[in-house]
């Protein structure tokens, strides 16, 4: 597909970020800024209401605020909270890098639905592996991990290295075919290897001694990898034109 020629003298934006990504980043910053204005006890109430706490789902535990509704919404709202500015800034950079091409390909509605699904998948993976844990989990890392996996599905198709613009409107290859690509296998090996090192505590992340919820990362990543085809409008339109079912 040919690329449009730039007109001499025309100005190109330095950061061409989709509005939906900008809105998500602004929401994350606003939530963190509002929490910074709260007292310690009020912020604890926010965490109890909106962070993901596995102990919430253990029978016999002291009931946490929010009741049954919070049992549902915390699968998503935890991703809007961050431990500190370093945590927020680190996630914002990765969201810009991988959320931008994904939002361009999916469009705003599909992108937001994708974020919700990968957040829930990350929370579920954390719940399965940390049943009964009282410590709250926060952060958008599961969503970002899902975006990394989904972007990988269409970034490696042409030439060497990761390419966004040239592959933006090309249908993604089926997952089993993608897993035979050496570049994809290297990407997977590096991603899972780093998360394993972070999880085992062998490598500190940004000098932070707080535990990394790497199981949530894996949950979000697998959801993004396996469910990409259900959100991808490019594959959907190509399949519809050919009268075929959409490949995963």
C-alpha atoms as a PDB file:
ATOM      1  CA  UNK A   1       0.000   0.000   0.000  1.00  0.00           C
ATOM      2  CA  UNK A   2       1.487   3.343  -1.017  1.00  0.00           C
ATOM      3  CA  UNK A   3       2.198   6.010   1.562  1.00  0.00           C
ATOM      4  CA  UNK A   4       0.965   9.599   1.016  1.00  0.00           C
ATOM      5  CA  UNK A   5       3.639  12.034  -0.033  1.00  0.00           C
ATOM      6  CA  UNK A   6       4.373  14.860   2.347  1.00  0.00           C
ATOM      7  CA  UNK A   7       3.748  18.323   0.961  1.00  0.00           C
ATOM      8  CA  UNK A   8       6.788  20.610   1.127  1.00  0.00           C
ATOM      9  CA  UNK A   9       6.376  23.119   3.886  1.00  0.00           C
ATOM     10  CA  UNK A  10       3.579  21.178   5.583  1.00  0.00           C
ATOM     11  CA  UNK A  11       3.959  20.562   9.287  1.00  0.00           C
ATOM     12  CA  UNK A  12       3.744  17.042  10.669  1.00  0.00           C
ATOM     13  CA  UNK A  13       2.894  16.545  14.357  1.00  0.00           C
ATOM     14  CA  UNK A  14       5.786  15.427  16.537  1.00  0.00           C
ATOM     15  CA  UNK A  15       3.551  12.996  18.427  1.00  0.00           C
ATOM     16  CA  UNK A  16       0.658  11.665  16.356  1.00  0.00           C
ATOM     17  CA  UNK A  17      -1.196  10.010  19.230  1.00  0.00           C
ATOM     18  CA  UNK A  18      -4.800   8.844  18.701  1.00  0.00           C
ATOM     19  CA  UNK A  19      -7.282  10.850  20.818  1.00  0.00           C
ATOM     20  CA  UNK A  20      -8.450   7.718  22.644  1.00  0.00           C
ATOM     21  CA  UNK A  21      -4.903   7.013  23.851  1.00  0.00           C
ATOM     22  CA  UNK A  22      -4.525  10.640  24.932  1.00  0.00           C
ATOM     23  CA  UNK A  23      -7.831  10.358  26.800  1.00  0.00           C
ATOM     24  CA  UNK A  24      -6.730   7.179  28.587  1.00  0.00           C
ATOM     25  CA  UNK A  25      -3.428   8.767  29.604  1.00  0.00           C
ATOM     26  CA  UNK A  26      -5.260  11.877  30.827  1.00  0.00           C
ATOM     27  CA  UNK A  27      -7.638   9.704  32.857  1.00  0.00           C
ATOM     28  CA  UNK A  28      -4.743   7.841  34.478  1.00  0.00           C
ATOM     29  CA  UNK A  29      -3.013  11.132  35.324  1.00  0.00           C
ATOM     30  CA  UNK A  30      -6.242  12.667  36.668  1.00  0.00           C
ATOM     31  CA  UNK A  31      -6.968   9.684  38.907  1.00  0.00           C
ATOM     32  CA  UNK A  32      -3.430   9.751  40.296  1.00  0.00           C
ATOM     33  CA  UNK A  33      -3.566  13.514  40.795  1.00  0.00           C
ATOM     34  CA  UNK A  34      -6.851  13.325  42.695  1.00  0.00           C
ATOM     35  CA  UNK A  35      -5.498  10.569  44.916  1.00  0.00           C
ATOM     36  CA  UNK A  36      -2.500  12.760  45.742  1.00  0.00           C
ATOM     37  CA  UNK A  37      -4.887  15.347  47.198  1.00  0.00           C
ATOM     38  CA  UNK A  38      -6.505  12.841  49.554  1.00  0.00           C
ATOM     39  CA  UNK A  39      -5.509  12.110  53.116  1.00  0.00           C
ATOM     40  CA  UNK A  40      -3.846   8.776  53.822  1.00  0.00           C
ATOM     41  CA  UNK A  41      -7.021   7.293  55.264  1.00  0.00           C
ATOM     42  CA  UNK A  42      -9.159   8.535  52.357  1.00  0.00           C
ATOM     43  CA  UNK A  43      -6.715   7.103  49.838  1.00  0.00           C
ATOM     44  CA  UNK A  44      -6.870   3.765  51.670  1.00  0.00           C
ATOM     45  CA  UNK A  45     -10.644   3.839  51.216  1.00  0.00           C
ATOM     46  CA  UNK A  46     -10.121   4.391  47.481  1.00  0.00           C
ATOM     47  CA  UNK A  47      -7.814   1.387  47.327  1.00  0.00           C
ATOM     48  CA  UNK A  48     -10.269  -0.794  49.232  1.00  0.00           C
ATOM     49  CA  UNK A  49     -13.032   0.244  46.826  1.00  0.00           C
ATOM     50  CA  UNK A  50     -11.241   0.172  43.488  1.00  0.00           C
ATOM     51  CA  UNK A  51      -7.993  -1.833  43.711  1.00  0.00           C
ATOM     52  CA  UNK A  52      -8.049  -5.551  42.990  1.00  0.00           C
ATOM     53  CA  UNK A  53      -7.862  -7.523  46.252  1.00  0.00           C
ATOM     54  CA  UNK A  54      -8.001 -11.330  45.917  1.00  0.00           C
ATOM     55  CA  UNK A  55      -9.159 -11.698  49.531  1.00  0.00           C
ATOM     56  CA  UNK A  56     -12.416 -10.026  48.499  1.00  0.00           C
ATOM     57  CA  UNK A  57     -13.435 -13.315  46.885  1.00  0.00           C
ATOM     58  CA  UNK A  58     -12.629 -15.536  49.888  1.00  0.00           C
ATOM     59  CA  UNK A  59     -15.641 -16.632  51.919  1.00  0.00           C
ATOM     60  CA  UNK A  60     -15.459 -15.703  55.581  1.00  0.00           C
ATOM     61  CA  UNK A  61     -13.137 -12.736  55.087  1.00  0.00           C
ATOM     62  CA  UNK A  62     -14.149  -9.402  56.620  1.00  0.00           C
ATOM     63  CA  UNK A  63     -16.384  -7.773  53.981  1.00  0.00           C
ATOM     64  CA  UNK A  64     -14.659  -5.048  51.982  1.00  0.00           C
ATOM     65  CA  UNK A  65     -16.498  -1.851  50.974  1.00  0.00           C
ATOM     66  CA  UNK A  66     -18.487  -1.851  47.761  1.00  0.00           C
ATOM     67  CA  UNK A  67     -20.151  -5.216  48.167  1.00  0.00           C
ATOM     68  CA  UNK A  68     -21.086  -7.280  45.124  1.00  0.00           C
ATOM     69  CA  UNK A  69     -20.743  -4.320  42.738  1.00  0.00           C
ATOM     70  CA  UNK A  70     -17.108  -3.852  43.756  1.00  0.00           C
ATOM     71  CA  UNK A  71     -16.556  -7.572  43.224  1.00  0.00           C
ATOM     72  CA  UNK A  72     -17.273  -6.808  39.553  1.00  0.00           C
ATOM     73  CA  UNK A  73     -15.850  -3.341  38.949  1.00  0.00           C
ATOM     74  CA  UNK A  74     -12.487  -3.984  40.628  1.00  0.00           C
ATOM     75  CA  UNK A  75     -11.648  -6.380  37.784  1.00  0.00           C
ATOM     76  CA  UNK A  76     -11.349  -3.187  35.713  1.00  0.00           C
ATOM     77  CA  UNK A  77     -10.847  -0.204  38.012  1.00  0.00           C
ATOM     78  CA  UNK A  78      -7.558  -1.431  39.477  1.00  0.00           C
ATOM     79  CA  UNK A  79      -5.947  -0.623  36.125  1.00  0.00           C
ATOM     80  CA  UNK A  80      -6.701   3.091  36.633  1.00  0.00           C
ATOM     81  CA  UNK A  81      -4.701   3.245  39.883  1.00  0.00           C
ATOM     82  CA  UNK A  82      -0.914   3.374  40.248  1.00  0.00           C
ATOM     83  CA  UNK A  83       1.449   3.039  43.167  1.00  0.00           C
ATOM     84  CA  UNK A  84       3.423   6.230  42.482  1.00  0.00           C
ATOM     85  CA  UNK A  85       4.524   8.613  39.729  1.00  0.00           C
ATOM     86  CA  UNK A  86       7.300   6.271  38.600  1.00  0.00           C
ATOM     87  CA  UNK A  87       4.820   3.442  38.170  1.00  0.00           C
ATOM     88  CA  UNK A  88       2.440   5.734  36.279  1.00  0.00           C
ATOM     89  CA  UNK A  89       5.166   7.207  34.062  1.00  0.00           C
ATOM     90  CA  UNK A  90       6.592   3.807  33.163  1.00  0.00           C
ATOM     91  CA  UNK A  91       3.176   2.498  32.135  1.00  0.00           C
ATOM     92  CA  UNK A  92       2.360   5.702  30.235  1.00  0.00           C
ATOM     93  CA  UNK A  93       5.483   5.317  28.072  1.00  0.00           C
ATOM     94  CA  UNK A  94       4.637   1.723  27.158  1.00  0.00           C
ATOM     95  CA  UNK A  95       1.013   2.618  26.505  1.00  0.00           C
ATOM     96  CA  UNK A  96       2.138   5.321  24.087  1.00  0.00           C
ATOM     97  CA  UNK A  97       4.446   2.873  22.314  1.00  0.00           C
ATOM     98  CA  UNK A  98       2.054  -0.049  21.908  1.00  0.00           C
ATOM     99  CA  UNK A  99      -1.381   1.442  22.496  1.00  0.00           C
ATOM    100  CA  UNK A 100      -0.941   4.017  19.717  1.00  0.00           C
ATOM    101  CA  UNK A 101      -0.662   1.583  16.765  1.00  0.00           C
ATOM    102  CA  UNK A 102      -3.327  -0.645  18.273  1.00  0.00           C
ATOM    103  CA  UNK A 103      -5.795   2.235  18.715  1.00  0.00           C
ATOM    104  CA  UNK A 104      -5.203   3.310  15.112  1.00  0.00           C
ATOM    105  CA  UNK A 105      -5.998  -0.187  13.880  1.00  0.00           C
ATOM    106  CA  UNK A 106      -8.908  -0.973  16.217  1.00  0.00           C
ATOM    107  CA  UNK A 107     -10.570   2.431  16.483  1.00  0.00           C
ATOM    108  CA  UNK A 108     -11.572   4.011  19.819  1.00  0.00           C
ATOM    109  CA  UNK A 109     -14.515   1.777  20.806  1.00  0.00           C
ATOM    110  CA  UNK A 110     -12.783  -1.530  20.066  1.00  0.00           C
ATOM    111  CA  UNK A 111      -9.615  -0.236  21.720  1.00  0.00           C
ATOM    112  CA  UNK A 112     -11.423   0.621  24.965  1.00  0.00           C
ATOM    113  CA  UNK A 113     -13.231  -2.731  24.973  1.00  0.00           C
ATOM    114  CA  UNK A 114      -9.896  -4.447  24.393  1.00  0.00           C
ATOM    115  CA  UNK A 115      -8.412  -2.561  27.372  1.00  0.00           C
ATOM    116  CA  UNK A 116     -11.303  -3.684  29.575  1.00  0.00           C
ATOM    117  CA  UNK A 117     -10.996  -7.331  28.534  1.00  0.00           C
ATOM    118  CA  UNK A 118      -7.224  -7.483  29.049  1.00  0.00           C
ATOM    119  CA  UNK A 119      -7.549  -5.747  32.427  1.00  0.00           C
ATOM    120  CA  UNK A 120     -10.092  -8.363  33.518  1.00  0.00           C
ATOM    121  CA  UNK A 121      -7.884 -11.178  32.199  1.00  0.00           C
ATOM    122  CA  UNK A 122      -4.944  -9.840  34.192  1.00  0.00           C
ATOM    123  CA  UNK A 123      -7.044  -9.603  37.348  1.00  0.00           C
ATOM    124  CA  UNK A 124      -8.324 -13.146  36.866  1.00  0.00           C
ATOM    125  CA  UNK A 125      -4.794 -14.515  36.447  1.00  0.00           C
ATOM    126  CA  UNK A 126      -3.738 -12.670  39.606  1.00  0.00           C
ATOM    127  CA  UNK A 127      -6.749 -14.027  41.504  1.00  0.00           C
ATOM    128  CA  UNK A 128      -6.009 -17.620  40.499  1.00  0.00           C
ATOM    129  CA  UNK A 129      -2.379 -17.361  41.612  1.00  0.00           C
ATOM    130  CA  UNK A 130      -2.905 -15.205  44.735  1.00  0.00           C
ATOM    131  CA  UNK A 131      -6.120 -16.567  46.233  1.00  0.00           C
ATOM    132  CA  UNK A 132      -6.857 -15.002  49.610  1.00  0.00           C
ATOM    133  CA  UNK A 133      -4.132 -12.348  49.369  1.00  0.00           C
ATOM    134  CA  UNK A 134      -4.994  -9.075  51.144  1.00  0.00           C
ATOM    135  CA  UNK A 135      -2.422  -6.906  49.367  1.00  0.00           C
ATOM    136  CA  UNK A 136      -4.139  -4.798  46.668  1.00  0.00           C
ATOM    137  CA  UNK A 137      -3.001  -4.901  43.047  1.00  0.00           C
ATOM    138  CA  UNK A 138      -2.977  -1.719  40.959  1.00  0.00           C
ATOM    139  CA  UNK A 139      -1.654  -0.599  37.584  1.00  0.00           C
ATOM    140  CA  UNK A 140      -2.350  -0.760  33.853  1.00  0.00           C
ATOM    141  CA  UNK A 141       0.417  -3.273  33.139  1.00  0.00           C
ATOM    142  CA  UNK A 142      -1.968  -6.099  32.188  1.00  0.00           C
ATOM    143  CA  UNK A 143      -3.598  -3.827  29.600  1.00  0.00           C
ATOM    144  CA  UNK A 144      -0.213  -2.794  28.232  1.00  0.00           C
ATOM    145  CA  UNK A 145       0.909  -6.423  28.098  1.00  0.00           C
ATOM    146  CA  UNK A 146      -2.219  -7.219  26.102  1.00  0.00           C
ATOM    147  CA  UNK A 147      -1.485  -4.328  23.741  1.00  0.00           C
ATOM    148  CA  UNK A 148       2.056  -5.643  23.225  1.00  0.00           C
ATOM    149  CA  UNK A 149       0.736  -9.080  22.307  1.00  0.00           C
ATOM    150  CA  UNK A 150      -1.948  -7.705  19.980  1.00  0.00           C
ATOM    151  CA  UNK A 151       0.454  -5.313  18.244  1.00  0.00           C
ATOM    152  CA  UNK A 152       2.840  -8.197  17.693  1.00  0.00           C
ATOM    153  CA  UNK A 153       0.133  -9.919  15.641  1.00  0.00           C
ATOM    154  CA  UNK A 154       0.474  -7.374  12.814  1.00  0.00           C
ATOM    155  CA  UNK A 155       3.819  -5.644  13.371  1.00  0.00           C
ATOM    156  CA  UNK A 156       6.155  -8.324  12.036  1.00  0.00           C
ATOM    157  CA  UNK A 157       4.534  -9.095   8.701  1.00  0.00           C
ATOM    158  CA  UNK A 158       6.685  -7.160   6.214  1.00  0.00           C
ATOM    159  CA  UNK A 159      10.455  -6.966   6.164  1.00  0.00           C
ATOM    160  CA  UNK A 160      12.624  -7.112   9.269  1.00  0.00           C
ATOM    161  CA  UNK A 161      11.954  -5.570  12.625  1.00  0.00           C
ATOM    162  CA  UNK A 162       8.706  -4.141  13.938  1.00  0.00           C
ATOM    163  CA  UNK A 163       6.786  -1.979  11.472  1.00  0.00           C
ATOM    164  CA  UNK A 164       3.559  -0.159  12.276  1.00  0.00           C
ATOM    165  CA  UNK A 165       2.539   2.092   9.386  1.00  0.00           C
ATOM    166  CA  UNK A 166       3.196  -0.306   6.516  1.00  0.00           C
ATOM    167  CA  UNK A 167       1.257  -3.100   8.232  1.00  0.00           C
ATOM    168  CA  UNK A 168      -1.603  -1.024   9.654  1.00  0.00           C
ATOM    169  CA  UNK A 169      -4.173  -2.070   7.050  1.00  0.00           C
ATOM    170  CA  UNK A 170      -2.876  -5.549   6.274  1.00  0.00           C
ATOM    171  CA  UNK A 171      -4.785  -8.546   7.669  1.00  0.00           C
ATOM    172  CA  UNK A 172      -2.898 -10.342  10.433  1.00  0.00           C
ATOM    173  CA  UNK A 173      -1.670 -13.832   9.699  1.00  0.00           C
ATOM    174  CA  UNK A 174      -3.323 -16.658  11.702  1.00  0.00           C
ATOM    175  CA  UNK A 175      -1.847 -17.164  15.152  1.00  0.00           C
ATOM    176  CA  UNK A 176      -0.333 -20.581  14.448  1.00  0.00           C
ATOM    177  CA  UNK A 177       1.424 -19.164  11.381  1.00  0.00           C
ATOM    178  CA  UNK A 178       2.661 -16.158  13.369  1.00  0.00           C
ATOM    179  CA  UNK A 179       4.138 -18.496  15.980  1.00  0.00           C
ATOM    180  CA  UNK A 180       6.377 -19.967  13.281  1.00  0.00           C
ATOM    181  CA  UNK A 181       7.982 -16.569  12.657  1.00  0.00           C
ATOM    182  CA  UNK A 182      11.420 -16.452  14.378  1.00  0.00           C
ATOM    183  CA  UNK A 183      10.967 -12.744  15.173  1.00  0.00           C
ATOM    184  CA  UNK A 184       7.715 -13.465  16.993  1.00  0.00           C
ATOM    185  CA  UNK A 185       9.348 -16.320  18.911  1.00  0.00           C
ATOM    186  CA  UNK A 186      12.217 -14.055  19.968  1.00  0.00           C
ATOM    187  CA  UNK A 187       9.745 -11.386  21.079  1.00  0.00           C
ATOM    188  CA  UNK A 188       7.817 -13.961  23.124  1.00  0.00           C
ATOM    189  CA  UNK A 189      10.978 -15.395  24.673  1.00  0.00           C
ATOM    190  CA  UNK A 190      12.258 -11.967  25.712  1.00  0.00           C
ATOM    191  CA  UNK A 191       8.876 -10.845  27.052  1.00  0.00           C
ATOM    192  CA  UNK A 192       8.219 -13.963  29.111  1.00  0.00           C
ATOM    193  CA  UNK A 193      11.864 -14.134  30.235  1.00  0.00           C
ATOM    194  CA  UNK A 194      11.846 -10.566  31.560  1.00  0.00           C
ATOM    195  CA  UNK A 195       8.550 -11.060  33.358  1.00  0.00           C
ATOM    196  CA  UNK A 196       9.853 -14.233  34.949  1.00  0.00           C
ATOM    197  CA  UNK A 197      12.970 -12.410  36.158  1.00  0.00           C
ATOM    198  CA  UNK A 198      10.878  -9.548  37.554  1.00  0.00           C
ATOM    199  CA  UNK A 199       8.538 -12.014  39.227  1.00  0.00           C
ATOM    200  CA  UNK A 200      11.343 -13.991  40.848  1.00  0.00           C
ATOM    201  CA  UNK A 201      12.921 -10.776  42.090  1.00  0.00           C
ATOM    202  CA  UNK A 202      16.142 -11.387  40.177  1.00  0.00           C
ATOM    203  CA  UNK A 203      15.862  -8.021  38.430  1.00  0.00           C
ATOM    204  CA  UNK A 204      14.447  -4.926  40.193  1.00  0.00           C
ATOM    205  CA  UNK A 205      12.099  -2.832  38.046  1.00  0.00           C
ATOM    206  CA  UNK A 206      13.089   0.847  38.081  1.00  0.00           C
ATOM    207  CA  UNK A 207      14.793   0.286  41.418  1.00  0.00           C
ATOM    208  CA  UNK A 208      11.418  -0.426  43.021  1.00  0.00           C
ATOM    209  CA  UNK A 209      11.320  -3.135  45.672  1.00  0.00           C
ATOM    210  CA  UNK A 210       7.556  -3.573  45.392  1.00  0.00           C
ATOM    211  CA  UNK A 211       6.522  -7.008  44.102  1.00  0.00           C
ATOM    212  CA  UNK A 212       5.630  -7.179  40.414  1.00  0.00           C
ATOM    213  CA  UNK A 213       2.282  -8.820  39.629  1.00  0.00           C
ATOM    214  CA  UNK A 214       3.796 -10.700  36.726  1.00  0.00           C
ATOM    215  CA  UNK A 215       0.960 -13.236  36.613  1.00  0.00           C
ATOM    216  CA  UNK A 216      -1.410 -10.379  35.765  1.00  0.00           C
ATOM    217  CA  UNK A 217       0.979  -9.351  32.983  1.00  0.00           C
ATOM    218  CA  UNK A 218       0.817 -12.889  31.601  1.00  0.00           C
ATOM    219  CA  UNK A 219      -2.979 -12.938  31.837  1.00  0.00           C
ATOM    220  CA  UNK A 220      -3.286  -9.686  29.903  1.00  0.00           C
ATOM    221  CA  UNK A 221      -0.688 -10.771  27.354  1.00  0.00           C
ATOM    222  CA  UNK A 222      -2.384 -14.104  26.626  1.00  0.00           C
ATOM    223  CA  UNK A 223      -5.757 -12.382  26.302  1.00  0.00           C
ATOM    224  CA  UNK A 224      -4.322  -9.895  23.811  1.00  0.00           C
ATOM    225  CA  UNK A 225      -2.607 -12.656  21.859  1.00  0.00           C
ATOM    226  CA  UNK A 226      -5.557 -15.054  21.692  1.00  0.00           C
ATOM    227  CA  UNK A 227      -8.450 -12.580  21.404  1.00  0.00           C
ATOM    228  CA  UNK A 228      -6.860 -10.222  18.865  1.00  0.00           C
ATOM    229  CA  UNK A 229      -8.991 -11.564  16.014  1.00  0.00           C
ATOM    230  CA  UNK A 230     -12.251 -10.755  17.822  1.00  0.00           C
ATOM    231  CA  UNK A 231     -11.341  -7.047  17.991  1.00  0.00           C
ATOM    232  CA  UNK A 232      -9.448  -6.594  14.727  1.00  0.00           C
ATOM    233  CA  UNK A 233     -11.651  -4.766  12.165  1.00  0.00           C
ATOM    234  CA  UNK A 234      -9.142  -5.365   9.357  1.00  0.00           C
ATOM    235  CA  UNK A 235      -9.409  -9.134   9.562  1.00  0.00           C
ATOM    236  CA  UNK A 236     -13.179  -8.860   9.993  1.00  0.00           C
ATOM    237  CA  UNK A 237     -13.685  -6.764   6.830  1.00  0.00           C
ATOM    238  CA  UNK A 238     -11.377  -8.963   4.707  1.00  0.00           C
ATOM    239  CA  UNK A 239     -13.169 -12.111   5.854  1.00  0.00           C
ATOM    240  CA  UNK A 240     -16.570 -10.531   5.128  1.00  0.00           C
ATOM    241  CA  UNK A 241     -15.489  -9.571   1.621  1.00  0.00           C
ATOM    242  CA  UNK A 242     -14.316 -13.118   0.943  1.00  0.00           C
ATOM    243  CA  UNK A 243     -17.344 -14.731   2.587  1.00  0.00           C
ATOM    244  CA  UNK A 244     -15.098 -16.594   5.045  1.00  0.00           C
ATOM    245  CA  UNK A 245     -14.884 -16.948   8.788  1.00  0.00           C
ATOM    246  CA  UNK A 246     -12.380 -14.703  10.524  1.00  0.00           C
ATOM    247  CA  UNK A 247      -9.064 -16.340  11.575  1.00  0.00           C
ATOM    248  CA  UNK A 248      -7.839 -15.889  15.133  1.00  0.00           C
END
